[in-house]
Protein backbone atom coordinates (compact mmCIF):
# COMPACT_ATOMS: atom_id res chain seq x y z
CA UNK A 1 -8.37 -14.83 -12.29
CA UNK A 2 -7.28 -11.21 -12.85
CA UNK A 3 -3.91 -10.36 -14.28
CA UNK A 4 -1.79 -8.98 -11.42
CA UNK A 5 -0.13 -5.58 -11.85
CA UNK A 6 1.84 -3.94 -9.05
CA UNK A 7 3.39 -0.56 -8.35
CA UNK A 8 6.18 -0.36 -5.76
CA UNK A 9 6.99 2.46 -3.30
CA UNK A 10 9.36 2.85 -0.38
CA UNK A 11 8.60 5.07 2.62
CA UNK A 12 11.72 7.07 3.52
CA UNK A 13 12.45 7.77 7.17
CA UNK A 14 14.78 10.47 8.53
CA UNK A 15 16.52 8.15 10.97
CA UNK A 16 16.95 4.50 9.89
CA UNK A 17 17.13 3.60 13.58
CA UNK A 18 13.56 4.82 14.15
CA UNK A 19 11.14 2.26 15.48
CA UNK A 20 9.02 2.76 12.37
CA UNK A 21 11.86 1.66 10.06
CA UNK A 22 11.44 1.28 6.33
CA UNK A 23 8.01 0.49 4.99
CA UNK A 24 7.33 -1.09 1.61
CA UNK A 25 4.13 -0.35 -0.30
CA UNK A 26 2.80 -2.45 -3.17
CA UNK A 27 -0.19 -1.10 -5.04
CA UNK A 28 -2.41 -3.75 -6.57
CA UNK A 29 -5.65 -3.41 -8.44
CA UNK A 30 -7.33 -6.48 -6.93
CA UNK A 31 -6.32 -6.09 -3.28
CA UNK A 32 -8.98 -8.29 -1.69
CA UNK A 33 -8.37 -11.14 -4.14
CA UNK A 34 -4.62 -10.94 -3.58
CA UNK A 35 -4.98 -10.95 0.21
CA UNK A 36 -7.35 -13.93 0.05
CA UNK A 37 -4.92 -15.78 -2.22
CA UNK A 38 -1.97 -15.08 0.12
CA UNK A 39 -4.00 -16.14 3.17
CA UNK A 40 -4.84 -19.39 1.36
CA UNK A 41 -1.06 -19.91 1.08
CA UNK A 42 -0.64 -19.40 4.84
CA UNK A 43 0.49 -15.75 4.87
CA UNK A 44 -0.70 -13.91 7.98
CA UNK A 45 -1.77 -10.27 8.01
CA UNK A 46 -1.57 -7.66 10.78
CA UNK A 47 -4.84 -6.29 9.47
CA UNK A 48 -7.17 -7.23 6.65
CA UNK A 49 -8.06 -4.86 3.79
CA UNK A 50 -9.83 -1.79 5.13
CA UNK A 51 -10.99 1.47 3.58
CA UNK A 52 -8.97 4.50 4.76
CA UNK A 53 -10.18 8.09 5.04
CA UNK A 54 -7.81 9.19 2.25
CA UNK A 55 -9.74 6.87 -0.11
CA UNK A 56 -7.20 4.05 -0.29
CA UNK A 57 -7.90 0.49 0.74
CA UNK A 58 -4.99 -1.26 2.40
CA UNK A 59 -3.83 -4.31 4.32
CA UNK A 60 -0.60 -4.92 6.25
CA UNK A 61 1.66 -7.88 6.70
CA UNK A 62 5.29 -8.31 7.80
CA UNK A 63 8.28 -9.97 6.19
CA UNK A 64 10.25 -12.60 8.14
CA UNK A 65 12.40 -9.83 9.70
CA UNK A 66 9.33 -7.94 10.93
CA UNK A 67 9.44 -5.12 8.35
CA UNK A 68 6.03 -3.73 7.52
CA UNK A 69 4.63 -4.27 4.06
CA UNK A 70 1.46 -2.55 2.93
CA UNK A 71 -0.64 -3.83 0.06
CA UNK A 72 -3.02 -1.15 -1.14
CA UNK A 73 -5.46 -0.16 -3.82
CA UNK A 74 -5.82 3.55 -4.53
CA UNK A 75 -7.10 3.50 -8.12
CA UNK A 76 -7.61 7.00 -9.49
CA UNK A 77 -7.39 8.50 -5.97
CA UNK A 78 -3.61 7.99 -5.78
CA UNK A 79 -2.85 10.62 -8.44
CA UNK A 80 -6.18 12.44 -8.68
CA UNK A 81 -7.97 12.54 -5.32
CA UNK A 82 -11.25 14.47 -5.21
CA UNK A 83 -9.67 17.21 -3.06
CA UNK A 84 -6.87 17.94 -5.55
CA UNK A 85 -6.81 21.54 -6.70
CA UNK A 86 -6.93 22.17 -10.43
CA UNK A 87 -3.77 23.42 -12.10
CA UNK A 88 -0.33 22.22 -13.13
CA UNK A 89 1.20 19.38 -11.20
CA UNK A 90 4.01 20.55 -8.95
CA UNK A 91 7.22 18.61 -8.36
CA UNK A 92 7.14 17.62 -4.70
CA UNK A 93 10.54 15.94 -4.54
């Protein structure tokens, strides 16, 4: 069994009352194994792991209050996607 390592992100929204609400993202190296393990424990998913056009693979589930939680695997494409321009990294905050 792989050793699990996670990164955590929060999606900020302009209006907390928006229908989209807050979204939690957990990056995990072994996404498909994690999803299978959670499903074996009875956790339901809105959608199974799928490859996205921005080169991430992600799945979605919801917490007991209905908040969306994404589990994803981006590997090197999170920080260094193939379309990234060469040069210094800019602060985007």
